[in-house]
């Protein structure tokens, strides 16, 4: 595991510690959980972008099945 150094407002850090303590976690554990969620959301965004790339030829308002008249 790699260590990193972050900077933040002192009051914000203290509030985060209190929240983590209320959840029976350390601030370090809470940050790791947040980091995992952050990366997971990014992965979902990449999947959506990939899907849009695959369907870019589709146009809104068009029917993809024959209508009654067709």
Protein backbone atom coordinates (compact mmCIF):
# COMPACT_ATOMS: atom_id res chain seq x y z
CA UNK A 1 0.00 0.00 0.00
CA UNK A 2 1.26 3.46 -0.89
CA UNK A 3 1.10 6.50 1.39
CA UNK A 4 -0.01 9.90 0.11
CA UNK A 5 -0.12 13.35 1.67
CA UNK A 6 -3.18 15.56 1.28
CA UNK A 7 -3.91 19.14 2.27
CA UNK A 8 -7.26 20.39 3.56
CA UNK A 9 -8.73 22.95 5.91
CA UNK A 10 -8.07 22.05 9.55
CA UNK A 11 -11.74 22.36 10.53
CA UNK A 12 -12.79 20.14 7.64
CA UNK A 13 -10.30 17.48 8.66
CA UNK A 14 -11.54 17.58 12.24
CA UNK A 15 -15.16 17.27 11.11
CA UNK A 16 -14.21 14.34 8.88
CA UNK A 17 -12.50 12.66 11.84
CA UNK A 18 -15.65 13.06 13.93
CA UNK A 19 -17.80 11.57 11.16
CA UNK A 20 -15.40 8.66 10.73
CA UNK A 21 -15.31 8.09 14.51
CA UNK A 22 -19.13 8.05 14.60
CA UNK A 23 -19.00 5.32 11.94
CA UNK A 24 -16.42 3.40 14.02
CA UNK A 25 -13.75 3.96 11.36
CA UNK A 26 -10.50 5.79 11.08
CA UNK A 27 -10.25 8.72 8.72
CA UNK A 28 -7.79 6.63 6.72
CA UNK A 29 -10.33 3.80 6.26
CA UNK A 30 -13.08 6.29 5.34
CA UNK A 31 -10.80 7.90 2.75
CA UNK A 32 -9.91 4.52 1.22
CA UNK A 33 -13.62 3.67 0.92
CA UNK A 34 -14.31 7.04 -0.69
CA UNK A 35 -11.40 6.55 -3.10
CA UNK A 36 -12.75 3.15 -4.17
CA UNK A 37 -16.19 4.65 -4.81
CA UNK A 38 -14.67 7.54 -6.73
CA UNK A 39 -12.78 5.20 -9.03
CA UNK A 40 -15.83 2.95 -9.47
CA UNK A 41 -17.93 5.94 -10.57
CA UNK A 42 -15.25 6.86 -13.08
CA UNK A 43 -15.36 3.32 -14.45
CA UNK A 44 -19.11 3.60 -14.89
CA UNK A 45 -18.67 6.86 -16.77
CA UNK A 46 -16.19 5.19 -19.09
CA UNK A 47 -18.68 2.36 -19.73
CA UNK A 48 -21.41 4.88 -20.60
CA UNK A 49 -19.08 6.76 -22.94
CA UNK A 50 -18.18 3.49 -24.62
CA UNK A 51 -21.85 2.63 -25.06
CA UNK A 52 -22.59 6.05 -26.56
CA UNK A 53 -19.72 5.52 -28.97
CA UNK A 54 -21.30 2.28 -30.12
CA UNK A 55 -24.73 3.83 -30.71
CA UNK A 56 -23.69 7.21 -32.11
CA UNK A 57 -25.21 6.30 -35.48
CA UNK A 58 -28.70 6.09 -33.93
CA UNK A 59 -30.91 9.17 -34.16
CA UNK A 60 -33.60 10.16 -31.73
CA UNK A 61 -37.15 10.13 -33.05
CA UNK A 62 -36.61 7.36 -35.57
CA UNK A 63 -38.47 4.08 -35.31
CA UNK A 64 -36.36 0.94 -35.31
CA UNK A 65 -39.21 -1.34 -36.27
CA UNK A 66 -41.63 -1.24 -39.19
CA UNK A 67 -44.73 0.84 -38.54
CA UNK A 68 -48.22 -0.09 -39.66
CA UNK A 69 -47.81 1.62 -42.99
CA UNK A 70 -44.51 -0.08 -43.73
